[in-house]
């Protein structure tokens, strides 16, 4: 069994649908939106610029 390291990212959700992009951040595979793609993300995917 493989263990995936993840973390919960939180921010104020203005629209809660990903339209406003106020909760967006950069990952290795492109921009993710916390309210649409998260709130839990694989730590290996999150870019180093995000402070967790």
Foldseek 3Di string as FASTA:
>chain_A
DDDFDKDFDDDDDDPLPCPVQPQWAAWPVGIDHCSHPHRIDGPNTRDPVDDD
